[in-house]
Amino acid sequence: AAGCISAASLDVVIDAQPATPSAPLAGAITQPTCAVATGSFTITSYESTSTYTFTPSATVDAATGVVTLAAGATYTFTETDASGCISAASTDVVVNAQPATPSAPTAGSITQPTCGRPGRFAINSYDANSIYTFTPSATVDAATGVVTLAAGATYTFTETNAAGCVSAASANVVILS
């Protein structure tokens, strides 16, 4: 204590602060379709040594960075790199609701052909924004949904809505000869 000085310590090396990762980015979003109920995207500049945390939760393919998301929700996510540094949250990733497939269309009361007039019926719950496809072909009045049918055939029809979803086929519509 009386003026004694200790020997110098060993060098102390302080590593540079690890860089915090930038907020992660979502690639182009594939929205749900009539047949697929989930959305997906690939994480831009995906780093397989990082961990990605989603709110709400989502599935990430660790090999490719492809993310699968439930329909009808808005997501954000962060990246935790190998050093344990956590990024800011991503911008919102919006996954639309799955488009609805229409129910099988139904025919209203059928007027059978008489005196040279063709058979007819109105499509129940007709939607002018949908396309109705008949087998065999028939004529649909786009304004009213009234269908004109040739005599002596059995018809079925489907509805394709504005989202492109196709219904199951209707029940048989029998037009007498």
C-alpha atoms as a PDB file:
ATOM      1  CA  ALA A   1       0.000   0.000   0.000  1.00  0.00           C
ATOM      2  CA  ALA A   2       2.952   2.336   0.505  1.00  0.00           C
ATOM      3  CA  GLY A   3       3.463   3.302  -3.135  1.00  0.00           C
ATOM      4  CA  CYS A   4       3.540  -0.225  -4.478  1.00  0.00           C
ATOM      5  CA  ILE A   5       2.413  -0.686  -8.034  1.00  0.00           C
ATOM      6  CA  SER A   6       1.215  -3.987  -9.369  1.00  0.00           C
ATOM      7  CA  ALA A   7       2.427  -5.567 -12.553  1.00  0.00           C
ATOM      8  CA  ALA A   8       0.520  -4.644 -15.714  1.00  0.00           C
ATOM      9  CA  SER A   9      -2.487  -6.800 -16.516  1.00  0.00           C
ATOM     10  CA  LEU A  10      -2.859  -8.765 -19.704  1.00  0.00           C
ATOM     11  CA  ASP A  11      -4.439  -6.985 -22.623  1.00  0.00           C
ATOM     12  CA  VAL A  12      -8.224  -6.869 -22.429  1.00  0.00           C
ATOM     13  CA  VAL A  13      -9.825  -7.192 -25.859  1.00  0.00           C
ATOM     14  CA  ILE A  14     -13.385  -5.998 -26.298  1.00  0.00           C
ATOM     15  CA  ASP A  15     -15.006  -7.232 -29.473  1.00  0.00           C
ATOM     16  CA  ALA A  16     -16.937  -4.803 -31.622  1.00  0.00           C
ATOM     17  CA  GLN A  17     -20.662  -4.742 -31.015  1.00  0.00           C
ATOM     18  CA  PRO A  18     -22.389  -7.168 -33.381  1.00  0.00           C
ATOM     19  CA  ALA A  19     -24.563  -5.497 -35.989  1.00  0.00           C
ATOM     20  CA  THR A  20     -28.299  -5.608 -35.400  1.00  0.00           C
ATOM     21  CA  PRO A  21     -30.006  -7.142 -38.431  1.00  0.00           C
ATOM     22  CA  SER A  22     -32.173  -4.875 -40.552  1.00  0.00           C
ATOM     23  CA  ALA A  23     -35.930  -5.362 -40.366  1.00  0.00           C
ATOM     24  CA  PRO A  24     -36.698  -8.470 -42.442  1.00  0.00           C
ATOM     25  CA  LEU A  25     -38.569  -8.181 -45.735  1.00  0.00           C
ATOM     26  CA  ALA A  26     -41.248 -10.407 -47.221  1.00  0.00           C
ATOM     27  CA  GLY A  27     -40.942 -11.344 -50.874  1.00  0.00           C
ATOM     28  CA  ALA A  28     -43.980 -11.379 -53.163  1.00  0.00           C
ATOM     29  CA  ILE A  29     -46.988 -12.777 -51.294  1.00  0.00           C
ATOM     30  CA  THR A  30     -48.919 -15.656 -52.820  1.00  0.00           C
ATOM     31  CA  GLN A  31     -52.490 -15.141 -51.626  1.00  0.00           C
ATOM     32  CA  PRO A  32     -54.921 -17.976 -50.825  1.00  0.00           C
ATOM     33  CA  THR A  33     -56.954 -19.334 -53.717  1.00  0.00           C
ATOM     34  CA  CYS A  34     -60.206 -21.240 -54.039  1.00  0.00           C
ATOM     35  CA  ALA A  35     -58.245 -24.492 -53.664  1.00  0.00           C
ATOM     36  CA  VAL A  36     -55.451 -23.436 -51.257  1.00  0.00           C
ATOM     37  CA  ALA A  37     -56.391 -21.984 -47.858  1.00  0.00           C
ATOM     38  CA  THR A  38     -52.976 -20.518 -46.992  1.00  0.00           C
ATOM     39  CA  GLY A  39     -50.765 -17.701 -48.212  1.00  0.00           C
ATOM     40  CA  SER A  40     -46.990 -17.828 -48.569  1.00  0.00           C
ATOM     41  CA  PHE A  41     -43.879 -15.840 -49.357  1.00  0.00           C
ATOM     42  CA  THR A  42     -40.099 -16.229 -49.236  1.00  0.00           C
ATOM     43  CA  ILE A  43     -38.140 -14.118 -46.772  1.00  0.00           C
ATOM     44  CA  THR A  44     -35.937 -11.716 -48.768  1.00  0.00           C
ATOM     45  CA  SER A  45     -32.219 -12.271 -48.012  1.00  0.00           C
ATOM     46  CA  TYR A  46     -33.136 -15.292 -45.886  1.00  0.00           C
ATOM     47  CA  GLU A  47     -30.386 -16.328 -43.457  1.00  0.00           C
ATOM     48  CA  SER A  48     -30.624 -19.970 -42.371  1.00  0.00           C
ATOM     49  CA  THR A  49     -28.587 -19.305 -39.193  1.00  0.00           C
ATOM     50  CA  SER A  50     -31.163 -16.765 -37.996  1.00  0.00           C
ATOM     51  CA  THR A  51     -34.449 -17.425 -36.227  1.00  0.00           C
ATOM     52  CA  TYR A  52     -37.592 -15.691 -37.480  1.00  0.00           C
ATOM     53  CA  THR A  53     -40.426 -14.976 -35.053  1.00  0.00           C
ATOM     54  CA  PHE A  54     -43.911 -14.267 -36.409  1.00  0.00           C
ATOM     55  CA  THR A  55     -46.892 -12.522 -34.828  1.00  0.00           C
ATOM     56  CA  PRO A  56     -49.284 -14.289 -35.081  1.00  0.00           C
ATOM     57  CA  SER A  57     -47.336 -17.539 -35.507  1.00  0.00           C
ATOM     58  CA  ALA A  58     -46.434 -18.939 -38.921  1.00  0.00           C
ATOM     59  CA  THR A  59     -44.439 -21.847 -40.355  1.00  0.00           C
ATOM     60  CA  VAL A  60     -40.981 -21.215 -41.856  1.00  0.00           C
ATOM     61  CA  ASP A  61     -39.177 -23.808 -43.986  1.00  0.00           C
ATOM     62  CA  ALA A  62     -35.701 -23.647 -42.410  1.00  0.00           C
ATOM     63  CA  ALA A  63     -34.002 -24.790 -45.625  1.00  0.00           C
ATOM     64  CA  THR A  64     -35.620 -22.318 -48.023  1.00  0.00           C
ATOM     65  CA  GLY A  65     -37.092 -19.435 -46.015  1.00  0.00           C
ATOM     66  CA  VAL A  66     -40.571 -20.063 -47.461  1.00  0.00           C
ATOM     67  CA  VAL A  67     -43.201 -18.952 -44.956  1.00  0.00           C
ATOM     68  CA  THR A  68     -46.716 -20.439 -44.859  1.00  0.00           C
ATOM     69  CA  LEU A  69     -49.427 -18.266 -43.321  1.00  0.00           C
ATOM     70  CA  ALA A  70     -53.061 -18.789 -42.384  1.00  0.00           C
ATOM     71  CA  ALA A  71     -55.565 -16.846 -44.478  1.00  0.00           C
ATOM     72  CA  GLY A  72     -57.305 -13.721 -43.265  1.00  0.00           C
ATOM     73  CA  ALA A  73     -54.614 -12.266 -40.998  1.00  0.00           C
ATOM     74  CA  THR A  74     -51.941  -9.560 -40.837  1.00  0.00           C
ATOM     75  CA  TYR A  75     -48.458 -10.640 -39.776  1.00  0.00           C
ATOM     76  CA  THR A  76     -45.189  -9.028 -38.710  1.00  0.00           C
ATOM     77  CA  PHE A  77     -41.918 -10.795 -38.034  1.00  0.00           C
ATOM     78  CA  THR A  78     -38.466 -10.219 -36.599  1.00  0.00           C
ATOM     79  CA  GLU A  79     -35.079 -11.809 -37.206  1.00  0.00           C
ATOM     80  CA  THR A  80     -32.803 -12.972 -34.405  1.00  0.00           C
ATOM     81  CA  ASP A  81     -29.330 -13.512 -35.843  1.00  0.00           C
ATOM     82  CA  ALA A  82     -26.678 -16.001 -34.688  1.00  0.00           C
ATOM     83  CA  SER A  83     -25.282 -13.355 -32.268  1.00  0.00           C
ATOM     84  CA  GLY A  84     -28.676 -13.031 -30.568  1.00  0.00           C
ATOM     85  CA  CYS A  85     -29.365  -9.556 -31.967  1.00  0.00           C
ATOM     86  CA  ILE A  86     -33.038  -8.915 -32.779  1.00  0.00           C
ATOM     87  CA  SER A  87     -34.171  -6.779 -35.697  1.00  0.00           C
ATOM     88  CA  ALA A  88     -36.988  -4.281 -35.742  1.00  0.00           C
ATOM     89  CA  ALA A  89     -40.287  -5.758 -36.893  1.00  0.00           C
ATOM     90  CA  SER A  90     -41.071  -6.123 -40.576  1.00  0.00           C
ATOM     91  CA  THR A  91     -43.769  -4.114 -42.276  1.00  0.00           C
ATOM     92  CA  ASP A  92     -47.220  -5.709 -42.192  1.00  0.00           C
ATOM     93  CA  VAL A  93     -47.697  -8.828 -44.299  1.00  0.00           C
ATOM     94  CA  VAL A  94     -51.391  -9.015 -45.184  1.00  0.00           C
ATOM     95  CA  VAL A  95     -52.839 -12.383 -46.168  1.00  0.00           C
ATOM     96  CA  ASN A  96     -56.335 -12.148 -47.613  1.00  0.00           C
ATOM     97  CA  ALA A  97     -59.176 -14.430 -46.603  1.00  0.00           C
ATOM     98  CA  GLN A  98     -59.616 -17.502 -48.787  1.00  0.00           C
ATOM     99  CA  PRO A  99     -62.159 -16.767 -51.527  1.00  0.00           C
ATOM    100  CA  ALA A 100     -65.430 -18.608 -51.017  1.00  0.00           C
ATOM    101  CA  THR A 101     -66.469 -21.328 -53.433  1.00  0.00           C
ATOM    102  CA  PRO A 102     -70.133 -20.936 -54.379  1.00  0.00           C
ATOM    103  CA  SER A 103     -72.625 -23.633 -53.507  1.00  0.00           C
ATOM    104  CA  ALA A 104     -73.930 -25.771 -56.338  1.00  0.00           C
ATOM    105  CA  PRO A 105     -76.453 -23.630 -58.222  1.00  0.00           C
ATOM    106  CA  THR A 106     -80.102 -24.615 -58.333  1.00  0.00           C
ATOM    107  CA  ALA A 107     -82.806 -24.227 -60.945  1.00  0.00           C
ATOM    108  CA  GLY A 108     -86.045 -22.482 -60.117  1.00  0.00           C
ATOM    109  CA  SER A 109     -89.376 -23.807 -61.354  1.00  0.00           C
ATOM    110  CA  ILE A 110     -88.933 -25.320 -64.832  1.00  0.00           C
ATOM    111  CA  THR A 111     -91.270 -24.368 -67.664  1.00  0.00           C
ATOM    112  CA  GLN A 112     -91.264 -27.283 -70.110  1.00  0.00           C
ATOM    113  CA  PRO A 113     -91.307 -26.586 -73.875  1.00  0.00           C
ATOM    114  CA  THR A 114     -94.744 -26.107 -75.446  1.00  0.00           C
ATOM    115  CA  CYS A 115     -96.042 -25.064 -78.843  1.00  0.00           C
ATOM    116  CA  GLY A 116     -92.561 -24.490 -80.278  1.00  0.00           C
ATOM    117  CA  ARG A 117     -91.323 -22.518 -77.274  1.00  0.00           C
ATOM    118  CA  PRO A 118     -88.146 -23.715 -75.551  1.00  0.00           C
ATOM    119  CA  GLY A 119     -87.895 -24.784 -71.933  1.00  0.00           C
ATOM    120  CA  ARG A 120     -86.991 -22.140 -69.366  1.00  0.00           C
ATOM    121  CA  PHE A 121     -86.175 -21.559 -65.729  1.00  0.00           C
ATOM    122  CA  ALA A 122     -84.621 -18.859 -63.571  1.00  0.00           C
ATOM    123  CA  ILE A 123     -81.413 -19.620 -61.662  1.00  0.00           C
ATOM    124  CA  ASN A 124     -82.141 -19.420 -57.923  1.00  0.00           C
ATOM    125  CA  SER A 125     -80.006 -16.794 -56.125  1.00  0.00           C
ATOM    126  CA  TYR A 126     -78.702 -15.595 -59.482  1.00  0.00           C
ATOM    127  CA  ASP A 127     -75.554 -13.454 -59.286  1.00  0.00           C
ATOM    128  CA  ALA A 128     -74.939 -11.248 -62.337  1.00  0.00           C
ATOM    129  CA  ASN A 129     -71.225 -11.115 -61.410  1.00  0.00           C
ATOM    130  CA  SER A 130     -70.884 -14.877 -61.824  1.00  0.00           C
ATOM    131  CA  ILE A 131     -70.552 -16.959 -64.981  1.00  0.00           C
ATOM    132  CA  TYR A 132     -72.850 -19.965 -65.402  1.00  0.00           C
ATOM    133  CA  THR A 133     -71.616 -22.813 -67.579  1.00  0.00           C
ATOM    134  CA  PHE A 134     -74.122 -25.333 -68.926  1.00  0.00           C
ATOM    135  CA  THR A 135     -73.632 -28.877 -70.203  1.00  0.00           C
ATOM    136  CA  PRO A 136     -74.909 -29.131 -72.890  1.00  0.00           C
ATOM    137  CA  SER A 137     -74.813 -25.410 -73.654  1.00  0.00           C
ATOM    138  CA  ALA A 138     -77.764 -23.125 -72.928  1.00  0.00           C
ATOM    139  CA  THR A 139     -78.537 -19.411 -73.140  1.00  0.00           C
ATOM    140  CA  VAL A 140     -78.581 -17.296 -69.945  1.00  0.00           C
ATOM    141  CA  ASP A 141     -80.069 -13.808 -69.863  1.00  0.00           C
ATOM    142  CA  ALA A 142     -77.280 -11.961 -68.030  1.00  0.00           C
ATOM    143  CA  ALA A 143     -79.683  -9.361 -66.630  1.00  0.00           C
ATOM    144  CA  THR A 144     -82.287 -11.727 -65.200  1.00  0.00           C
ATOM    145  CA  GLY A 145     -80.705 -15.188 -64.859  1.00  0.00           C
ATOM    146  CA  VAL A 146     -83.461 -16.750 -66.965  1.00  0.00           C
ATOM    147  CA  VAL A 147     -82.125 -19.772 -68.852  1.00  0.00           C
ATOM    148  CA  THR A 148     -83.469 -20.935 -72.220  1.00  0.00           C
ATOM    149  CA  LEU A 149     -82.994 -24.640 -72.966  1.00  0.00           C
ATOM    150  CA  ALA A 150     -83.534 -26.833 -76.009  1.00  0.00           C
ATOM    151  CA  ALA A 151     -86.078 -29.637 -75.697  1.00  0.00           C
ATOM    152  CA  GLY A 152     -85.121 -33.248 -75.142  1.00  0.00           C
ATOM    153  CA  ALA A 153     -81.976 -32.913 -73.046  1.00  0.00           C
ATOM    154  CA  THR A 154     -80.723 -33.203 -69.486  1.00  0.00           C
ATOM    155  CA  TYR A 155     -78.634 -30.248 -68.303  1.00  0.00           C
ATOM    156  CA  THR A 156     -76.283 -29.505 -65.443  1.00  0.00           C
ATOM    157  CA  PHE A 157     -74.585 -26.208 -64.711  1.00  0.00           C
ATOM    158  CA  THR A 158     -71.884 -24.674 -62.542  1.00  0.00           C
ATOM    159  CA  GLU A 159     -71.265 -21.185 -61.201  1.00  0.00           C
ATOM    160  CA  THR A 160     -67.881 -19.438 -61.418  1.00  0.00           C
ATOM    161  CA  ASN A 161     -67.860 -16.449 -59.072  1.00  0.00           C
ATOM    162  CA  ALA A 162     -65.921 -13.195 -59.447  1.00  0.00           C
ATOM    163  CA  ALA A 163     -62.968 -14.712 -57.514  1.00  0.00           C
ATOM    164  CA  GLY A 164     -62.740 -17.522 -60.078  1.00  0.00           C
ATOM    165  CA  CYS A 165     -64.024 -20.239 -57.746  1.00  0.00           C
ATOM    166  CA  VAL A 166     -66.143 -22.913 -59.428  1.00  0.00           C
ATOM    167  CA  SER A 167     -69.090 -24.587 -57.712  1.00  0.00           C
ATOM    168  CA  ALA A 168     -70.014 -28.237 -57.836  1.00  0.00           C
ATOM    169  CA  ALA A 169     -72.464 -29.072 -60.614  1.00  0.00           C
ATOM    170  CA  SER A 170     -76.192 -28.537 -60.148  1.00  0.00           C
ATOM    171  CA  ALA A 171     -78.674 -31.342 -59.977  1.00  0.00           C
ATOM    172  CA  ASN A 172     -79.924 -32.573 -63.368  1.00  0.00           C
ATOM    173  CA  VAL A 173     -82.392 -30.283 -65.120  1.00  0.00           C
ATOM    174  CA  VAL A 174     -84.524 -32.428 -67.429  1.00  0.00           C
ATOM    175  CA  ILE A 175     -86.205 -30.726 -70.389  1.00  0.00           C
ATOM    176  CA  LEU A 176     -88.766 -32.939 -72.080  1.00  0.00           C
ATOM    177  CA  SER A 177     -89.100 -33.364 -75.834  1.00  0.00           C
END
